[in-house]
PDB file of all heavy atoms in Angstrom:
ATOM      1  N   ILE A   1    -103.250-129.073 -73.238  1.00  0.00           N
ATOM      2  CA  ILE A   1    -102.639-130.387 -72.902  1.00  0.00           C
ATOM      3  C   ILE A   1    -103.289-131.522 -73.706  1.00  0.00           C
ATOM      4  O   ILE A   1    -102.580-132.434 -74.169  1.00  0.00           O
ATOM      5  CB  ILE A   1    -102.866-130.581 -71.366  1.00  0.00           C
ATOM      6  CG1 ILE A   1    -101.937-129.642 -70.615  1.00  0.00           C
ATOM      7  CG2 ILE A   1    -102.507-132.068 -71.071  1.00  0.00           C
ATOM      8  CD1 ILE A   1    -102.206-129.700 -69.098  1.00  0.00           C
ATOM      9  N   PRO A   2    -104.604-131.601 -74.016  1.00  0.00           N
ATOM     10  CA  PRO A   2    -105.138-132.701 -74.760  1.00  0.00           C
ATOM     11  C   PRO A   2    -105.023-132.689 -76.267  1.00  0.00           C
ATOM     12  O   PRO A   2    -105.505-133.552 -76.962  1.00  0.00           O
ATOM     13  CB  PRO A   2    -106.684-132.608 -74.421  1.00  0.00           C
ATOM     14  CG  PRO A   2    -106.851-131.601 -73.341  1.00  0.00           C
ATOM     15  CD  PRO A   2    -105.713-130.742 -73.477  1.00  0.00           C
ATOM     16  N   LEU A   3    -104.334-131.657 -76.819  1.00  0.00           N
ATOM     17  CA  LEU A   3    -104.300-131.497 -78.281  1.00  0.00           C
ATOM     18  C   LEU A   3    -103.672-132.656 -79.013  1.00  0.00           C
ATOM     19  O   LEU A   3    -104.164-133.051 -80.057  1.00  0.00           O
ATOM     20  CB  LEU A   3    -103.668-130.140 -78.619  1.00  0.00           C
ATOM     21  CG  LEU A   3    -103.766-129.804 -80.110  1.00  0.00           C
ATOM     22  CD1 LEU A   3    -105.200-129.710 -80.550  1.00  0.00           C
ATOM     23  CD2 LEU A   3    -103.073-128.479 -80.377  1.00  0.00           C
ATOM     24  N   ALA A   4    -102.528-133.193 -78.460  1.00  0.00           N
ATOM     25  CA  ALA A   4    -101.885-134.262 -79.169  1.00  0.00           C
ATOM     26  C   ALA A   4    -102.818-135.468 -79.193  1.00  0.00           C
ATOM     27  O   ALA A   4    -102.904-136.191 -80.225  1.00  0.00           O
ATOM     28  CB  ALA A   4    -100.586-134.666 -78.489  1.00  0.00           C
ATOM     29  N   THR A   5    -103.507-135.782 -78.148  1.00  0.00           N
ATOM     30  CA  THR A   5    -104.462-136.938 -78.114  1.00  0.00           C
ATOM     31  C   THR A   5    -105.521-136.665 -79.198  1.00  0.00           C
ATOM     32  O   THR A   5    -105.883-137.642 -79.957  1.00  0.00           O
ATOM     33  CB  THR A   5    -105.207-136.985 -76.734  1.00  0.00           C
ATOM     34  OG1 THR A   5    -104.294-137.321 -75.773  1.00  0.00           O
ATOM     35  CG2 THR A   5    -106.219-138.100 -76.751  1.00  0.00           C
ATOM     36  N   GLU A   6    -106.064-135.500 -79.296  1.00  0.00           N
ATOM     37  CA  GLU A   6    -107.107-135.263 -80.306  1.00  0.00           C
ATOM     38  C   GLU A   6    -106.470-135.278 -81.748  1.00  0.00           C
ATOM     39  O   GLU A   6    -107.178-135.844 -82.655  1.00  0.00           O
ATOM     40  CB  GLU A   6    -107.657-133.817 -80.135  1.00  0.00           C
ATOM     41  CG  GLU A   6    -108.374-133.648 -78.787  1.00  0.00           C
ATOM     42  CD  GLU A   6    -109.637-134.520 -78.691  1.00  0.00           C
ATOM     43  OE1 GLU A   6    -110.176-134.976 -79.747  1.00  0.00           O
ATOM     44  OE2 GLU A   6    -110.093-134.806 -77.625  1.00  0.00           O
ATOM     45  N   LEU A   7    -105.297-134.847 -81.944  1.00  0.00           N
ATOM     46  CA  LEU A   7    -104.688-135.020 -83.299  1.00  0.00           C
ATOM     47  C   LEU A   7    -104.375-136.481 -83.582  1.00  0.00           C
ATOM     48  O   LEU A   7    -104.508-136.912 -84.777  1.00  0.00           O
ATOM     49  CB  LEU A   7    -103.365-134.182 -83.302  1.00  0.00           C
ATOM     50  CG  LEU A   7    -103.530-132.677 -83.352  1.00  0.00           C
ATOM     51  CD1 LEU A   7    -102.177-131.992 -83.101  1.00  0.00           C
ATOM     52  CD2 LEU A   7    -104.167-132.223 -84.690  1.00  0.00           C
ATOM     53  N   ARG A   8    -103.943-137.308 -82.650  1.00  0.00           N
ATOM     54  CA  ARG A   8    -103.712-138.672 -82.884  1.00  0.00           C
ATOM     55  C   ARG A   8    -104.977-139.354 -83.232  1.00  0.00           C
ATOM     56  O   ARG A   8    -105.030-140.253 -84.115  1.00  0.00           O
ATOM     57  CB  ARG A   8    -103.150-139.346 -81.615  1.00  0.00           C
ATOM     58  CG  ARG A   8    -101.781-138.751 -81.157  1.00  0.00           C
ATOM     59  CD  ARG A   8    -100.665-138.890 -82.092  1.00  0.00           C
ATOM     60  NE  ARG A   8     -99.380-138.450 -81.527  1.00  0.00           N
ATOM     61  CZ  ARG A   8     -98.395-137.993 -82.228  1.00  0.00           C
ATOM     62  NH1 ARG A   8     -98.433-137.977 -83.572  1.00  0.00           N
ATOM     63  NH2 ARG A   8     -97.210-137.676 -81.527  1.00  0.00           N
ATOM     64  N   ARG A   9    -106.109-138.958 -82.667  1.00  0.00           N
ATOM     65  CA  ARG A   9    -107.461-139.514 -83.005  1.00  0.00           C
ATOM     66  C   ARG A   9    -107.784-139.151 -84.444  1.00  0.00           C
ATOM     67  O   ARG A   9    -108.606-139.876 -85.054  1.00  0.00           O
ATOM     68  CB  ARG A   9    -108.552-139.024 -82.030  1.00  0.00           C
ATOM     69  CG  ARG A   9    -108.387-139.580 -80.597  1.00  0.00           C
ATOM     70  CD  ARG A   9    -109.367-138.943 -79.676  1.00  0.00           C
ATOM     71  NE  ARG A   9    -109.224-139.518 -78.374  1.00  0.00           N
ATOM     72  CZ  ARG A   9    -109.854-138.988 -77.244  1.00  0.00           C
ATOM     73  NH1 ARG A   9    -110.513-137.863 -77.359  1.00  0.00           N
ATOM     74  NH2 ARG A   9    -109.713-139.601 -76.127  1.00  0.00           N
ATOM     75  N   ARG A  10    -107.201-138.187 -85.007  1.00  0.00           N
ATOM     76  CA  ARG A  10    -107.470-137.799 -86.393  1.00  0.00           C
ATOM     77  C   ARG A  10    -106.392-138.275 -87.283  1.00  0.00           C
ATOM     78  O   ARG A  10    -106.137-137.802 -88.414  1.00  0.00           O
ATOM     79  CB  ARG A  10    -107.608-136.238 -86.479  1.00  0.00           C
ATOM     80  CG  ARG A  10    -108.965-135.745 -85.813  1.00  0.00           C
ATOM     81  CD  ARG A  10    -108.827-134.312 -85.329  1.00  0.00           C
ATOM     82  NE  ARG A  10    -110.101-133.897 -84.693  1.00  0.00           N
ATOM     83  CZ  ARG A  10    -110.481-134.293 -83.477  1.00  0.00           C
ATOM     84  NH1 ARG A  10    -109.809-135.113 -82.698  1.00  0.00           N
ATOM     85  NH2 ARG A  10    -111.695-133.871 -82.978  1.00  0.00           N
ATOM     86  N   ASN A  11    -105.650-139.330 -86.785  1.00  0.00           N
ATOM     87  CA  ASN A  11    -104.650-140.036 -87.610  1.00  0.00           C
ATOM     88  C   ASN A  11    -103.437-139.153 -87.925  1.00  0.00           C
ATOM     89  O   ASN A  11    -102.778-139.455 -88.988  1.00  0.00           O
ATOM     90  CB  ASN A  11    -105.295-140.635 -88.861  1.00  0.00           C
ATOM     91  CG  ASN A  11    -104.498-141.832 -89.384  1.00  0.00           C
ATOM     92  OD1 ASN A  11    -103.899-142.584 -88.574  1.00  0.00           O
ATOM     93  ND2 ASN A  11    -104.353-142.018 -90.615  1.00  0.00           N
ATOM     94  N   ILE A  12    -103.154-138.209 -87.085  1.00  0.00           N
ATOM     95  CA  ILE A  12    -101.972-137.431 -87.272  1.00  0.00           C
ATOM     96  C   ILE A  12    -100.806-138.102 -86.576  1.00  0.00           C
ATOM     97  O   ILE A  12    -100.780-138.301 -85.368  1.00  0.00           O
ATOM     98  CB  ILE A  12    -102.067-135.980 -86.722  1.00  0.00           C
ATOM     99  CG1 ILE A  12    -103.295-135.269 -87.348  1.00  0.00           C
ATOM    100  CG2 ILE A  12    -100.812-135.229 -86.913  1.00  0.00           C
ATOM    101  CD1 ILE A  12    -103.131-135.068 -88.876  1.00  0.00           C
ATOM    102  N   ARG A  13     -99.792-138.527 -87.338  1.00  0.00           N
ATOM    103  CA  ARG A  13     -98.683-139.332 -86.858  1.00  0.00           C
ATOM    104  C   ARG A  13     -97.381-138.541 -86.813  1.00  0.00           C
ATOM    105  O   ARG A  13     -96.331-139.150 -86.615  1.00  0.00           O
ATOM    106  CB  ARG A  13     -98.507-140.653 -87.588  1.00  0.00           C
ATOM    107  CG  ARG A  13     -99.801-141.586 -87.468  1.00  0.00           C
ATOM    108  CD  ARG A  13     -99.918-142.059 -85.973  1.00  0.00           C
ATOM    109  NE  ARG A  13    -101.133-142.835 -85.776  1.00  0.00           N
ATOM    110  CZ  ARG A  13    -102.214-142.371 -85.143  1.00  0.00           C
ATOM    111  NH1 ARG A  13    -102.232-141.158 -84.725  1.00  0.00           N
ATOM    112  NH2 ARG A  13    -103.238-143.166 -84.980  1.00  0.00           N
ATOM    113  N   ASN A  14     -97.507-137.266 -87.057  1.00  0.00           N
ATOM    114  CA  ASN A  14     -96.332-136.395 -87.116  1.00  0.00           C
ATOM    115  C   ASN A  14     -95.700-136.322 -85.717  1.00  0.00           C
ATOM    116  O   ASN A  14     -96.259-136.689 -84.718  1.00  0.00           O
ATOM    117  CB  ASN A  14     -96.644-135.045 -87.651  1.00  0.00           C
ATOM    118  CG  ASN A  14     -97.271-135.082 -88.975  1.00  0.00           C
ATOM    119  OD1 ASN A  14     -98.280-135.734 -89.207  1.00  0.00           O
ATOM    120  ND2 ASN A  14     -96.703-134.331 -89.959  1.00  0.00           N
ATOM    121  N   LYS A  15     -94.501-135.795 -85.690  1.00  0.00           N
ATOM    122  CA  LYS A  15     -93.818-135.494 -84.437  1.00  0.00           C
ATOM    123  C   LYS A  15     -94.620-134.300 -83.780  1.00  0.00           C
ATOM    124  O   LYS A  15     -94.877-133.267 -84.394  1.00  0.00           O
ATOM    125  CB  LYS A  15     -92.376-135.032 -84.599  1.00  0.00           C
ATOM    126  CG  LYS A  15     -91.397-136.134 -84.960  1.00  0.00           C
ATOM    127  CD  LYS A  15     -91.057-136.916 -83.782  1.00  0.00           C
ATOM    128  CE  LYS A  15     -89.932-137.897 -83.996  1.00  0.00           C
ATOM    129  NZ  LYS A  15     -89.584-138.683 -82.804  1.00  0.00           N
ATOM    130  N   ILE A  16     -95.079-134.504 -82.525  1.00  0.00           N
ATOM    131  CA  ILE A  16     -95.762-133.430 -81.859  1.00  0.00           C
ATOM    132  C   ILE A  16     -95.128-133.202 -80.434  1.00  0.00           C
ATOM    133  O   ILE A  16     -94.902-134.105 -79.664  1.00  0.00           O
ATOM    134  CB  ILE A  16     -97.208-133.761 -81.561  1.00  0.00           C
ATOM    135  CG1 ILE A  16     -97.931-134.254 -82.875  1.00  0.00           C
ATOM    136  CG2 ILE A  16     -97.988-132.634 -80.930  1.00  0.00           C
ATOM    137  CD1 ILE A  16     -99.337-134.737 -82.638  1.00  0.00           C
ATOM    138  N   GLY A  17     -94.712-131.941 -80.267  1.00  0.00           N
ATOM    139  CA  GLY A  17     -94.051-131.574 -78.974  1.00  0.00           C
ATOM    140  C   GLY A  17     -94.943-130.663 -78.157  1.00  0.00           C
ATOM    141  O   GLY A  17     -95.788-129.950 -78.785  1.00  0.00           O
ATOM    142  N   PHE A  18     -94.747-130.610 -76.913  1.00  0.00           N
ATOM    143  CA  PHE A  18     -95.493-129.719 -75.971  1.00  0.00           C
ATOM    144  C   PHE A  18     -94.519-129.010 -75.129  1.00  0.00           C
ATOM    145  O   PHE A  18     -93.539-129.557 -74.620  1.00  0.00           O
ATOM    146  CB  PHE A  18     -96.474-130.595 -75.162  1.00  0.00           C
ATOM    147  CG  PHE A  18     -97.264-129.846 -74.114  1.00  0.00           C
ATOM    148  CD1 PHE A  18     -98.426-129.101 -74.518  1.00  0.00           C
ATOM    149  CD2 PHE A  18     -96.784-129.685 -72.818  1.00  0.00           C
ATOM    150  CE1 PHE A  18     -99.126-128.404 -73.579  1.00  0.00           C
ATOM    151  CE2 PHE A  18     -97.548-128.942 -71.839  1.00  0.00           C
ATOM    152  CZ  PHE A  18     -98.774-128.392 -72.289  1.00  0.00           C
ATOM    153  N   TYR A  19     -94.811-127.719 -74.797  1.00  0.00           N
ATOM    154  CA  TYR A  19     -93.962-126.943 -73.853  1.00  0.00           C
ATOM    155  C   TYR A  19     -94.859-126.311 -72.828  1.00  0.00           C
ATOM    156  O   TYR A  19     -95.829-125.636 -73.221  1.00  0.00           O
ATOM    157  CB  TYR A  19     -93.190-125.890 -74.563  1.00  0.00           C
ATOM    158  CG  TYR A  19     -92.105-125.316 -73.734  1.00  0.00           C
ATOM    159  CD1 TYR A  19     -90.916-125.958 -73.407  1.00  0.00           C
ATOM    160  CD2 TYR A  19     -92.354-124.158 -73.018  1.00  0.00           C
ATOM    161  CE1 TYR A  19     -89.978-125.447 -72.614  1.00  0.00           C
ATOM    162  CE2 TYR A  19     -91.422-123.680 -72.088  1.00  0.00           C
ATOM    163  CZ  TYR A  19     -90.188-124.255 -71.948  1.00  0.00           C
ATOM    164  OH  TYR A  19     -89.288-123.842 -71.035  1.00  0.00           O
ATOM    165  N   LEU A  20     -94.540-126.556 -71.609  1.00  0.00           N
ATOM    166  CA  LEU A  20     -95.327-126.039 -70.431  1.00  0.00           C
ATOM    167  C   LEU A  20     -94.595-124.784 -69.958  1.00  0.00           C
ATOM    168  O   LEU A  20     -93.488-124.848 -69.473  1.00  0.00           O
ATOM    169  CB  LEU A  20     -95.447-127.008 -69.313  1.00  0.00           C
ATOM    170  CG  LEU A  20     -96.244-126.626 -68.109  1.00  0.00           C
ATOM    171  CD1 LEU A  20     -97.730-126.523 -68.499  1.00  0.00           C
ATOM    172  CD2 LEU A  20     -96.123-127.674 -67.001  1.00  0.00           C
ATOM    173  N   HIS A  21     -95.341-123.557 -70.045  1.00  0.00           N
ATOM    174  CA  HIS A  21     -94.698-122.353 -69.676  1.00  0.00           C
ATOM    175  C   HIS A  21     -94.972-122.038 -68.192  1.00  0.00           C
ATOM    176  O   HIS A  21     -94.483-120.976 -67.705  1.00  0.00           O
ATOM    177  CB  HIS A  21     -95.317-121.185 -70.536  1.00  0.00           C
ATOM    178  CG  HIS A  21     -94.797-121.313 -71.942  1.00  0.00           C
ATOM    179  ND1 HIS A  21     -93.729-120.578 -72.406  1.00  0.00           N
ATOM    180  CD2 HIS A  21     -95.257-122.030 -73.050  1.00  0.00           C
ATOM    181  CE1 HIS A  21     -93.557-120.902 -73.734  1.00  0.00           C
ATOM    182  NE2 HIS A  21     -94.507-121.708 -74.076  1.00  0.00           N
ATOM    183  N   ILE A  22     -95.655-122.845 -67.487  1.00  0.00           N
ATOM    184  CA  ILE A  22     -95.885-122.666 -66.009  1.00  0.00           C
ATOM    185  C   ILE A  22     -95.350-123.781 -65.303  1.00  0.00           C
ATOM    186  O   ILE A  22     -94.937-124.821 -65.854  1.00  0.00           O
ATOM    187  CB  ILE A  22     -97.353-122.412 -65.770  1.00  0.00           C
ATOM    188  CG1 ILE A  22     -98.181-123.722 -66.081  1.00  0.00           C
ATOM    189  CG2 ILE A  22     -97.932-121.207 -66.554  1.00  0.00           C
ATOM    190  CD1 ILE A  22     -99.676-123.547 -65.655  1.00  0.00           C
ATOM    191  N   PRO A  23     -95.254-123.678 -63.913  1.00  0.00           N
ATOM    192  CA  PRO A  23     -94.664-124.799 -63.149  1.00  0.00           C
ATOM    193  C   PRO A  23     -95.528-126.116 -63.282  1.00  0.00           C
ATOM    194  O   PRO A  23     -96.736-125.980 -63.511  1.00  0.00           O
ATOM    195  CB  PRO A  23     -94.647-124.299 -61.664  1.00  0.00           C
ATOM    196  CG  PRO A  23     -94.879-122.818 -61.807  1.00  0.00           C
ATOM    197  CD  PRO A  23     -95.648-122.646 -63.039  1.00  0.00           C
ATOM    198  N   PHE A  24     -94.914-127.269 -63.107  1.00  0.00           N
ATOM    199  CA  PHE A  24     -95.608-128.467 -62.959  1.00  0.00           C
ATOM    200  C   PHE A  24     -95.964-128.744 -61.545  1.00  0.00           C
ATOM    201  O   PHE A  24     -95.096-128.493 -60.670  1.00  0.00           O
ATOM    202  CB  PHE A  24     -94.802-129.653 -63.442  1.00  0.00           C
ATOM    203  CG  PHE A  24     -95.606-130.939 -63.763  1.00  0.00           C
ATOM    204  CD1 PHE A  24     -96.407-131.039 -64.918  1.00  0.00           C
ATOM    205  CD2 PHE A  24     -95.634-131.946 -62.852  1.00  0.00           C
ATOM    206  CE1 PHE A  24     -97.188-132.187 -65.074  1.00  0.00           C
ATOM    207  CE2 PHE A  24     -96.442-133.026 -63.014  1.00  0.00           C
ATOM    208  CZ  PHE A  24     -97.161-133.225 -64.139  1.00  0.00           C
ATOM    209  N   PRO A  25     -97.208-129.225 -61.180  1.00  0.00           N
ATOM    210  CA  PRO A  25     -97.604-129.253 -59.815  1.00  0.00           C
ATOM    211  C   PRO A  25     -96.942-130.443 -59.021  1.00  0.00           C
ATOM    212  O   PRO A  25     -96.508-131.434 -59.657  1.00  0.00           O
ATOM    213  CB  PRO A  25     -99.122-129.434 -59.882  1.00  0.00           C
ATOM    214  CG  PRO A  25     -99.329-130.120 -61.153  1.00  0.00           C
ATOM    215  CD  PRO A  25     -98.232-129.578 -62.155  1.00  0.00           C
ATOM    216  N   THR A  26     -96.993-130.404 -57.708  1.00  0.00           N
ATOM    217  CA  THR A  26     -96.608-131.449 -56.890  1.00  0.00           C
ATOM    218  C   THR A  26     -97.705-132.557 -57.010  1.00  0.00           C
ATOM    219  O   THR A  26     -98.802-132.376 -57.445  1.00  0.00           O
ATOM    220  CB  THR A  26     -96.496-130.979 -55.441  1.00  0.00           C
ATOM    221  OG1 THR A  26     -97.819-130.528 -54.993  1.00  0.00           O
ATOM    222  CG2 THR A  26     -95.441-129.912 -55.329  1.00  0.00           C
ATOM    223  N   PRO A  27     -97.335-133.787 -56.475  1.00  0.00           N
ATOM    224  CA  PRO A  27     -98.352-134.902 -56.567  1.00  0.00           C
ATOM    225  C   PRO A  27     -99.660-134.638 -55.958  1.00  0.00           C
ATOM    226  O   PRO A  27    -100.741-134.875 -56.492  1.00  0.00           O
ATOM    227  CB  PRO A  27     -97.611-135.998 -55.963  1.00  0.00           C
ATOM    228  CG  PRO A  27     -96.136-135.826 -56.206  1.00  0.00           C
ATOM    229  CD  PRO A  27     -96.007-134.339 -56.110  1.00  0.00           C
ATOM    230  N   ASP A  28     -99.590-133.970 -54.773  1.00  0.00           N
ATOM    231  CA  ASP A  28    -100.876-133.681 -54.078  1.00  0.00           C
ATOM    232  C   ASP A  28    -101.722-132.723 -54.858  1.00  0.00           C
ATOM    233  O   ASP A  28    -103.007-132.913 -54.973  1.00  0.00           O
ATOM    234  CB  ASP A  28    -100.677-133.098 -52.657  1.00  0.00           C
ATOM    235  CG  ASP A  28    -100.210-134.177 -51.657  1.00  0.00           C
ATOM    236  OD1 ASP A  28    -100.397-135.351 -51.993  1.00  0.00           O
ATOM    237  OD2 ASP A  28     -99.677-133.797 -50.541  1.00  0.00           O
ATOM    238  N   ALA A  29    -101.146-131.718 -55.367  1.00  0.00           N
ATOM    239  CA  ALA A  29    -101.829-130.704 -56.194  1.00  0.00           C
ATOM    240  C   ALA A  29    -102.350-131.349 -57.505  1.00  0.00           C
ATOM    241  O   ALA A  29    -103.490-131.075 -57.952  1.00  0.00           O
ATOM    242  CB  ALA A  29    -101.000-129.491 -56.524  1.00  0.00           C
ATOM    243  N   LEU A  30    -101.592-132.218 -58.081  1.00  0.00           N
ATOM    244  CA  LEU A  30    -101.993-132.900 -59.317  1.00  0.00           C
ATOM    245  C   LEU A  30    -103.212-133.720 -59.066  1.00  0.00           C
ATOM    246  O   LEU A  30    -104.165-133.837 -59.835  1.00  0.00           O
ATOM    247  CB  LEU A  30    -100.834-133.669 -59.902  1.00  0.00           C
ATOM    248  CG  LEU A  30    -100.963-134.298 -61.286  1.00  0.00           C
ATOM    249  CD1 LEU A  30    -101.335-133.166 -62.254  1.00  0.00           C
ATOM    250  CD2 LEU A  30     -99.775-135.032 -61.684  1.00  0.00           C
ATOM    251  N   ASN A  31    -103.188-134.455 -57.923  1.00  0.00           N
ATOM    252  CA  ASN A  31    -104.279-135.338 -57.600  1.00  0.00           C
ATOM    253  C   ASN A  31    -105.584-134.565 -57.322  1.00  0.00           C
ATOM    254  O   ASN A  31    -106.662-135.182 -57.419  1.00  0.00           O
ATOM    255  CB  ASN A  31    -103.994-136.163 -56.366  1.00  0.00           C
ATOM    256  CG  ASN A  31    -103.114-137.423 -56.654  1.00  0.00           C
ATOM    257  OD1 ASN A  31    -103.416-138.083 -57.685  1.00  0.00           O
ATOM    258  ND2 ASN A  31    -102.075-137.629 -55.914  1.00  0.00           N
ATOM    259  N   ALA A  32    -105.512-133.313 -56.984  1.00  0.00           N
ATOM    260  CA  ALA A  32    -106.668-132.538 -56.800  1.00  0.00           C
ATOM    261  C   ALA A  32    -107.393-132.001 -58.018  1.00  0.00           C
ATOM    262  O   ALA A  32    -108.491-131.465 -57.949  1.00  0.00           O
ATOM    263  CB  ALA A  32    -106.323-131.311 -55.846  1.00  0.00           C
ATOM    264  N   ILE A  33    -106.735-132.143 -59.149  1.00  0.00           N
ATOM    265  CA  ILE A  33    -107.298-131.655 -60.467  1.00  0.00           C
ATOM    266  C   ILE A  33    -108.203-132.733 -61.027  1.00  0.00           C
ATOM    267  O   ILE A  33    -107.890-133.872 -61.176  1.00  0.00           O
ATOM    268  CB  ILE A  33    -106.137-131.413 -61.469  1.00  0.00           C
ATOM    269  CG1 ILE A  33    -105.249-130.281 -60.895  1.00  0.00           C
ATOM    270  CG2 ILE A  33    -106.713-130.999 -62.862  1.00  0.00           C
ATOM    271  CD1 ILE A  33    -103.921-130.086 -61.742  1.00  0.00           C
ATOM    272  N   PRO A  34    -109.467-132.332 -61.307  1.00  0.00           N
ATOM    273  CA  PRO A  34    -110.406-133.259 -61.942  1.00  0.00           C
ATOM    274  C   PRO A  34    -109.826-133.829 -63.190  1.00  0.00           C
ATOM    275  O   PRO A  34    -109.244-133.125 -64.005  1.00  0.00           O
ATOM    276  CB  PRO A  34    -111.635-132.415 -62.215  1.00  0.00           C
ATOM    277  CG  PRO A  34    -111.513-131.236 -61.354  1.00  0.00           C
ATOM    278  CD  PRO A  34    -110.026-131.011 -61.111  1.00  0.00           C
ATOM    279  N   HIS A  35    -109.946-135.149 -63.407  1.00  0.00           N
ATOM    280  CA  HIS A  35    -109.580-135.805 -64.676  1.00  0.00           C
ATOM    281  C   HIS A  35    -107.971-135.782 -64.817  1.00  0.00           C
ATOM    282  O   HIS A  35    -107.540-135.826 -65.999  1.00  0.00           O
ATOM    283  CB  HIS A  35    -110.259-135.266 -65.842  1.00  0.00           C
ATOM    284  CG  HIS A  35    -111.786-135.217 -65.713  1.00  0.00           C
ATOM    285  ND1 HIS A  35    -112.537-136.302 -65.899  1.00  0.00           N
ATOM    286  CD2 HIS A  35    -112.541-134.193 -65.439  1.00  0.00           C
ATOM    287  CE1 HIS A  35    -113.852-135.989 -65.744  1.00  0.00           C
ATOM    288  NE2 HIS A  35    -113.867-134.662 -65.453  1.00  0.00           N
ATOM    289  N   HIS A  36    -107.320-135.713 -63.753  1.00  0.00           N
ATOM    290  CA  HIS A  36    -105.784-135.602 -63.872  1.00  0.00           C
ATOM    291  C   HIS A  36    -105.240-136.838 -64.515  1.00  0.00           C
ATOM    292  O   HIS A  36    -104.248-136.682 -65.215  1.00  0.00           O
ATOM    293  CB  HIS A  36    -105.195-135.313 -62.587  1.00  0.00           C
ATOM    294  CG  HIS A  36    -105.390-136.447 -61.576  1.00  0.00           C
ATOM    295  ND1 HIS A  36    -106.466-136.603 -60.755  1.00  0.00           N
ATOM    296  CD2 HIS A  36    -104.522-137.473 -61.158  1.00  0.00           C
ATOM    297  CE1 HIS A  36    -106.343-137.631 -59.921  1.00  0.00           C
ATOM    298  NE2 HIS A  36    -105.173-138.197 -60.168  1.00  0.00           N
ATOM    299  N   GLU A  37    -105.834-138.008 -64.410  1.00  0.00           N
ATOM    300  CA  GLU A  37    -105.288-139.175 -65.023  1.00  0.00           C
ATOM    301  C   GLU A  37    -105.335-139.063 -66.587  1.00  0.00           C
ATOM    302  O   GLU A  37    -104.392-139.312 -67.277  1.00  0.00           O
ATOM    303  CB  GLU A  37    -106.036-140.435 -64.560  1.00  0.00           C
ATOM    304  CG  GLU A  37    -105.475-141.751 -65.125  1.00  0.00           C
ATOM    305  CD  GLU A  37    -106.112-142.952 -64.515  1.00  0.00           C
ATOM    306  OE1 GLU A  37    -106.893-142.891 -63.553  1.00  0.00           O
ATOM    307  OE2 GLU A  37    -105.754-144.098 -64.971  1.00  0.00           O
TER     308      GLU A  37
END
């Protein structure tokens, strides 16, 4: 998940896409994840 942020910090301005192969959590479950913001 953090890879695009890290690439942008290295001045990579290319198109970067992400695909999530597992479900996305509900708000309550998301809030329980450390550093979710």
